[in-house]
Amino acid sequence: MDFIIQNQEFILGLIATLLVWLIAKITGKLLDKTKINAALAILLDIIQDIKINPATKDLDDYAKKQLAVERATKTLPAKQTNLVLKIFGTVGGAVEYVFHNRKWLFSLGKAIKGVF
């Protein structure tokens, strides 16, 4: 009993995750991975542009992130913005995710561009 009380945050989080997954499976409302990948590819292009552009490459990380969030909110279509908000909660969260996973997303971005 003490184990459950001491780890209640973890256990409740696990139960909530399983419950959400079960509801998604039952209702059949799953997110389309190609749309998610397309949105992440757009965010990757924005981040790469900020990193390479001579006017912005010397900014600190916080300023680069703010610039990326600003460009992403202007660039992403409304449907993709809503999808990003559903998955990551904020556009900033999505930018942060893409920034930390840009090495393997870079190859994904090339594959997506090849399809379209």
N, C-alpha and C. Protein backbone atom coordinates (compact mmCIF):
# COMPACT_ATOMS: atom_id res chain seq x y z
N MET A 1 0.81 -1.18 0.00
CA MET A 1 0.00 0.00 0.00
C MET A 1 0.87 1.26 0.00
N ASP A 2 1.97 1.23 0.74
CA ASP A 2 2.87 2.38 0.77
C ASP A 2 3.49 2.64 -0.59
N PHE A 3 3.76 1.56 -1.33
CA PHE A 3 4.32 1.70 -2.67
C PHE A 3 3.38 2.49 -3.57
N ILE A 4 2.09 2.18 -3.51
CA ILE A 4 1.09 2.86 -4.34
C ILE A 4 1.00 4.33 -3.95
N ILE A 5 1.00 4.63 -2.67
CA ILE A 5 0.89 6.01 -2.22
C ILE A 5 2.14 6.81 -2.61
N GLN A 6 3.31 6.20 -2.49
CA GLN A 6 4.55 6.91 -2.81
C GLN A 6 4.70 7.15 -4.31
N ASN A 7 4.13 6.29 -5.12
CA ASN A 7 4.27 6.41 -6.57
C ASN A 7 2.93 6.73 -7.25
N GLN A 8 2.06 7.45 -6.57
CA GLN A 8 0.74 7.69 -7.11
C GLN A 8 0.76 8.55 -8.36
N GLU A 9 1.68 9.50 -8.48
CA GLU A 9 1.76 10.32 -9.69
C GLU A 9 2.10 9.46 -10.90
N PHE A 10 3.05 8.58 -10.74
CA PHE A 10 3.44 7.71 -11.84
C PHE A 10 2.30 6.76 -12.22
N ILE A 11 1.68 6.17 -11.22
CA ILE A 11 0.61 5.19 -11.47
C ILE A 11 -0.60 5.87 -12.12
N LEU A 12 -0.98 7.06 -11.63
CA LEU A 12 -2.10 7.78 -12.22
C LEU A 12 -1.79 8.20 -13.65
N GLY A 13 -0.56 8.62 -13.90
CA GLY A 13 -0.16 8.98 -15.27
C GLY A 13 -0.22 7.79 -16.21
N LEU A 14 0.22 6.65 -15.72
CA LEU A 14 0.19 5.43 -16.52
C LEU A 14 -1.25 5.01 -16.81
N ILE A 15 -2.11 5.07 -15.81
CA ILE A 15 -3.51 4.71 -16.01
C ILE A 15 -4.18 5.69 -16.97
N ALA A 16 -3.90 6.97 -16.85
CA ALA A 16 -4.48 7.96 -17.75
C ALA A 16 -4.03 7.73 -19.18
N THR A 17 -2.75 7.42 -19.37
CA THR A 17 -2.24 7.15 -20.71
C THR A 17 -2.90 5.92 -21.31
N LEU A 18 -3.03 4.88 -20.54
CA LEU A 18 -3.70 3.67 -21.04
C LEU A 18 -5.16 3.93 -21.36
N LEU A 19 -5.81 4.74 -20.55
CA LEU A 19 -7.22 5.07 -20.79
C LEU A 19 -7.39 5.86 -22.08
N VAL A 20 -6.53 6.84 -22.30
CA VAL A 20 -6.59 7.63 -23.54
C VAL A 20 -6.31 6.74 -24.75
N TRP A 21 -5.33 5.86 -24.64
CA TRP A 21 -5.01 4.96 -25.74
C TRP A 21 -6.19 4.03 -26.03
N LEU A 22 -6.83 3.52 -25.00
CA LEU A 22 -7.97 2.63 -25.17
C LEU A 22 -9.15 3.35 -25.82
N ILE A 23 -9.42 4.56 -25.41
CA ILE A 23 -10.50 5.33 -26.02
C ILE A 23 -10.20 5.61 -27.49
N ALA A 24 -8.94 5.93 -27.81
CA ALA A 24 -8.56 6.18 -29.21
C ALA A 24 -8.73 4.92 -30.05
N LYS A 25 -8.38 3.77 -29.49
CA LYS A 25 -8.54 2.51 -30.23
C LYS A 25 -10.01 2.19 -30.45
N ILE A 26 -10.83 2.41 -29.45
CA ILE A 26 -12.25 2.08 -29.55
C ILE A 26 -12.96 3.00 -30.53
N THR A 27 -12.68 4.28 -30.44
CA THR A 27 -13.37 5.24 -31.32
C THR A 27 -12.75 5.29 -32.71
N GLY A 28 -11.53 4.83 -32.85
CA GLY A 28 -10.89 4.82 -34.16
C GLY A 28 -10.37 6.17 -34.59
N LYS A 29 -10.30 7.11 -33.68
CA LYS A 29 -9.82 8.44 -34.02
C LYS A 29 -8.32 8.51 -33.78
N LEU A 30 -7.57 8.11 -34.75
CA LEU A 30 -6.12 8.18 -34.67
C LEU A 30 -5.63 9.29 -35.59
N LEU A 31 -4.51 9.85 -35.28
CA LEU A 31 -3.95 10.92 -36.08
C LEU A 31 -3.23 10.37 -37.30
N ASP A 32 -3.34 11.08 -38.40
CA ASP A 32 -2.70 10.67 -39.64
C ASP A 32 -1.21 11.01 -39.56
N LYS A 33 -0.37 9.99 -39.65
CA LYS A 33 1.07 10.19 -39.49
C LYS A 33 1.67 10.99 -40.63
N THR A 34 1.13 10.90 -41.82
CA THR A 34 1.69 11.66 -42.94
C THR A 34 1.47 13.16 -42.73
N LYS A 35 0.32 13.53 -42.16
CA LYS A 35 0.06 14.95 -41.89
C LYS A 35 0.98 15.46 -40.78
N ILE A 36 1.21 14.62 -39.79
CA ILE A 36 2.12 15.00 -38.71
C ILE A 36 3.54 15.17 -39.25
N ASN A 37 3.97 14.23 -40.07
CA ASN A 37 5.32 14.30 -40.65
C ASN A 37 5.48 15.52 -41.54
N ALA A 38 4.43 15.88 -42.28
CA ALA A 38 4.49 17.06 -43.14
C ALA A 38 4.64 18.32 -42.30
N ALA A 39 3.91 18.42 -41.21
CA ALA A 39 4.03 19.58 -40.32
C ALA A 39 5.41 19.64 -39.69
N LEU A 40 5.94 18.49 -39.28
CA LEU A 40 7.28 18.47 -38.69
C LEU A 40 8.34 18.82 -39.73
N ALA A 41 8.13 18.44 -40.97
CA ALA A 41 9.07 18.79 -42.03
C ALA A 41 9.09 20.30 -42.27
N ILE A 42 7.93 20.93 -42.19
CA ILE A 42 7.87 22.39 -42.33
C ILE A 42 8.63 23.06 -41.18
N LEU A 43 8.41 22.56 -39.97
CA LEU A 43 9.11 23.11 -38.82
C LEU A 43 10.62 22.90 -38.94
N LEU A 44 11.02 21.75 -39.47
CA LEU A 44 12.44 21.47 -39.66
C LEU A 44 13.05 22.45 -40.66
N ASP A 45 12.32 22.75 -41.74
CA ASP A 45 12.82 23.73 -42.72
C ASP A 45 13.00 25.10 -42.08
N ILE A 46 12.05 25.49 -41.23
CA ILE A 46 12.15 26.78 -40.56
C ILE A 46 13.37 26.82 -39.65
N ILE A 47 13.58 25.76 -38.89
CA ILE A 47 14.73 25.71 -37.97
C ILE A 47 16.04 25.71 -38.74
N GLN A 48 16.11 24.95 -39.82
CA GLN A 48 17.33 24.91 -40.63
C GLN A 48 17.62 26.28 -41.25
N ASP A 49 16.57 26.97 -41.69
CA ASP A 49 16.75 28.29 -42.28
C ASP A 49 17.29 29.28 -41.25
N ILE A 50 16.76 29.21 -40.04
CA ILE A 50 17.23 30.10 -38.98
C ILE A 50 18.69 29.78 -38.63
N LYS A 51 19.02 28.50 -38.63
CA LYS A 51 20.38 28.08 -38.28
C LYS A 51 21.40 28.49 -39.35
N ILE A 52 20.99 28.48 -40.62
CA ILE A 52 21.92 28.75 -41.72
C ILE A 52 21.97 30.23 -42.11
N ASN A 53 20.87 30.93 -41.98
CA ASN A 53 20.76 32.33 -42.40
C ASN A 53 21.78 33.19 -41.65
N PRO A 54 22.60 33.96 -42.38
CA PRO A 54 23.63 34.78 -41.72
C PRO A 54 23.05 35.82 -40.75
N ALA A 55 21.84 36.29 -41.01
CA ALA A 55 21.24 37.30 -40.15
C ALA A 55 20.77 36.72 -38.82
N THR A 56 20.49 35.42 -38.76
CA THR A 56 19.93 34.84 -37.55
C THR A 56 20.81 33.77 -36.90
N LYS A 57 21.87 33.35 -37.55
CA LYS A 57 22.65 32.24 -37.00
C LYS A 57 23.41 32.60 -35.73
N ASP A 58 23.66 33.88 -35.47
CA ASP A 58 24.41 34.29 -34.29
C ASP A 58 23.51 34.62 -33.10
N LEU A 59 22.21 34.46 -33.24
CA LEU A 59 21.29 34.71 -32.12
C LEU A 59 21.46 33.62 -31.06
N ASP A 60 21.07 33.94 -29.83
CA ASP A 60 21.11 32.91 -28.79
C ASP A 60 19.95 31.94 -29.01
N ASP A 61 19.99 30.81 -28.30
CA ASP A 61 19.01 29.75 -28.52
C ASP A 61 17.59 30.20 -28.24
N TYR A 62 17.39 31.00 -27.20
CA TYR A 62 16.04 31.46 -26.85
C TYR A 62 15.47 32.33 -27.98
N ALA A 63 16.28 33.23 -28.50
CA ALA A 63 15.83 34.11 -29.58
C ALA A 63 15.53 33.30 -30.85
N LYS A 64 16.36 32.29 -31.12
CA LYS A 64 16.12 31.43 -32.28
C LYS A 64 14.80 30.68 -32.14
N LYS A 65 14.53 30.19 -30.92
CA LYS A 65 13.28 29.47 -30.70
C LYS A 65 12.09 30.40 -30.87
N GLN A 66 12.17 31.60 -30.32
CA GLN A 66 11.07 32.55 -30.46
C GLN A 66 10.83 32.92 -31.92
N LEU A 67 11.90 33.08 -32.67
CA LEU A 67 11.78 33.38 -34.10
C LEU A 67 11.17 32.21 -34.84
N ALA A 68 11.57 30.99 -34.49
CA ALA A 68 11.01 29.80 -35.13
C ALA A 68 9.53 29.66 -34.82
N VAL A 69 9.13 29.93 -33.59
CA VAL A 69 7.71 29.85 -33.22
C VAL A 69 6.91 30.90 -33.99
N GLU A 70 7.46 32.09 -34.10
CA GLU A 70 6.78 33.16 -34.83
C GLU A 70 6.61 32.80 -36.30
N ARG A 71 7.68 32.30 -36.91
CA ARG A 71 7.59 31.90 -38.32
C ARG A 71 6.65 30.72 -38.53
N ALA A 72 6.66 29.79 -37.59
CA ALA A 72 5.81 28.60 -37.71
C ALA A 72 4.34 28.98 -37.63
N THR A 73 3.99 29.89 -36.73
CA THR A 73 2.58 30.28 -36.62
C THR A 73 2.12 31.02 -37.87
N LYS A 74 3.03 31.71 -38.54
CA LYS A 74 2.67 32.40 -39.79
C LYS A 74 2.64 31.45 -40.97
N THR A 75 3.51 30.44 -40.97
CA THR A 75 3.69 29.57 -42.12
C THR A 75 2.72 28.39 -42.16
N LEU A 76 2.50 27.76 -41.02
CA LEU A 76 1.67 26.56 -41.01
C LEU A 76 0.21 26.89 -41.32
N PRO A 77 -0.41 26.10 -42.19
CA PRO A 77 -1.85 26.27 -42.43
C PRO A 77 -2.64 25.97 -41.16
N ALA A 78 -3.88 26.42 -41.12
CA ALA A 78 -4.70 26.29 -39.91
C ALA A 78 -4.88 24.83 -39.49
N LYS A 79 -5.08 23.93 -40.45
CA LYS A 79 -5.27 22.52 -40.10
C LYS A 79 -4.02 21.92 -39.49
N GLN A 80 -2.86 22.26 -40.04
CA GLN A 80 -1.61 21.73 -39.50
C GLN A 80 -1.30 22.37 -38.14
N THR A 81 -1.65 23.62 -37.97
CA THR A 81 -1.46 24.27 -36.67
C THR A 81 -2.31 23.59 -35.62
N ASN A 82 -3.56 23.29 -35.95
CA ASN A 82 -4.43 22.58 -35.00
C ASN A 82 -3.89 21.19 -34.68
N LEU A 83 -3.35 20.51 -35.68
CA LEU A 83 -2.77 19.19 -35.47
C LEU A 83 -1.56 19.27 -34.53
N VAL A 84 -0.71 20.26 -34.76
CA VAL A 84 0.46 20.46 -33.91
C VAL A 84 0.02 20.78 -32.48
N LEU A 85 -1.02 21.59 -32.33
CA LEU A 85 -1.52 21.93 -31.00
C LEU A 85 -2.10 20.72 -30.29
N LYS A 86 -2.76 19.82 -31.04
CA LYS A 86 -3.31 18.61 -30.44
C LYS A 86 -2.21 17.68 -29.93
N ILE A 87 -1.13 17.60 -30.69
CA ILE A 87 -0.07 16.66 -30.34
C ILE A 87 0.88 17.22 -29.29
N PHE A 88 1.35 18.44 -29.52
CA PHE A 88 2.41 19.01 -28.67
C PHE A 88 1.90 20.02 -27.65
N GLY A 89 0.69 20.48 -27.77
CA GLY A 89 0.13 21.45 -26.84
C GLY A 89 0.37 22.88 -27.27
N THR A 90 1.58 23.17 -27.73
CA THR A 90 1.91 24.51 -28.21
C THR A 90 2.81 24.38 -29.44
N VAL A 91 2.90 25.45 -30.19
CA VAL A 91 3.81 25.46 -31.34
C VAL A 91 5.25 25.44 -30.83
N GLY A 92 5.48 26.09 -29.70
CA GLY A 92 6.82 26.09 -29.10
C GLY A 92 7.27 24.69 -28.71
N GLY A 93 6.34 23.89 -28.23
CA GLY A 93 6.66 22.50 -27.89
C GLY A 93 7.04 21.70 -29.12
N ALA A 94 6.35 21.95 -30.22
CA ALA A 94 6.67 21.27 -31.47
C ALA A 94 8.03 21.70 -32.00
N VAL A 95 8.32 22.99 -31.90
CA VAL A 95 9.62 23.49 -32.34
C VAL A 95 10.73 22.87 -31.50
N GLU A 96 10.50 22.80 -30.21
CA GLU A 96 11.48 22.18 -29.30
C GLU A 96 11.70 20.71 -29.65
N TYR A 97 10.61 19.99 -29.93
CA TYR A 97 10.71 18.58 -30.30
C TYR A 97 11.52 18.41 -31.60
N VAL A 98 11.20 19.22 -32.59
CA VAL A 98 11.91 19.12 -33.87
C VAL A 98 13.38 19.48 -33.69
N PHE A 99 13.65 20.50 -32.88
CA PHE A 99 15.04 20.91 -32.67
C PHE A 99 15.86 19.79 -32.05
N HIS A 100 15.31 19.10 -31.05
CA HIS A 100 16.06 18.05 -30.37
C HIS A 100 16.13 16.76 -31.18
N ASN A 101 15.25 16.59 -32.16
CA ASN A 101 15.24 15.37 -32.98
C ASN A 101 15.54 15.67 -34.44
N ARG A 102 16.23 16.76 -34.71
CA ARG A 102 16.43 17.20 -36.09
C ARG A 102 17.33 16.27 -36.90
N LYS A 103 18.21 15.52 -36.26
CA LYS A 103 19.11 14.65 -37.01
C LYS A 103 18.36 13.55 -37.75
N TRP A 104 17.43 12.86 -37.08
CA TRP A 104 16.69 11.81 -37.78
C TRP A 104 15.49 12.38 -38.53
N LEU A 105 14.99 13.56 -38.14
CA LEU A 105 13.91 14.18 -38.89
C LEU A 105 14.40 14.74 -40.21
N PHE A 106 15.70 15.07 -40.29
CA PHE A 106 16.24 15.61 -41.53
C PHE A 106 16.10 14.61 -42.66
N SER A 107 16.39 13.35 -42.40
CA SER A 107 16.22 12.33 -43.43
C SER A 107 14.74 12.11 -43.73
N LEU A 108 13.88 12.25 -42.72
CA LEU A 108 12.44 12.13 -42.93
C LEU A 108 11.94 13.27 -43.81
N GLY A 109 12.46 14.48 -43.58
CA GLY A 109 12.06 15.63 -44.39
C GLY A 109 12.42 15.44 -45.85
N LYS A 110 13.57 14.87 -46.12
CA LYS A 110 13.96 14.60 -47.51
C LYS A 110 13.02 13.58 -48.13
N ALA A 111 12.63 12.57 -47.38
CA ALA A 111 11.72 11.55 -47.89
C ALA A 111 10.35 12.13 -48.19
N ILE A 112 9.88 13.03 -47.32
CA ILE A 112 8.57 13.64 -47.54
C ILE A 112 8.60 14.53 -48.77
N LYS A 113 9.66 15.31 -48.93
CA LYS A 113 9.77 16.19 -50.10
C LYS A 113 9.82 15.36 -51.38
N GLY A 114 10.42 14.17 -51.31
CA GLY A 114 10.48 13.30 -52.48
C GLY A 114 9.12 12.77 -52.87
N VAL A 115 8.24 12.58 -51.89
CA VAL A 115 6.90 12.07 -52.18
C VAL A 115 6.03 13.15 -52.80
N PHE A 116 6.13 14.38 -52.29
CA PHE A 116 5.27 15.46 -52.79
C PHE A 116 5.91 16.07 -53.96
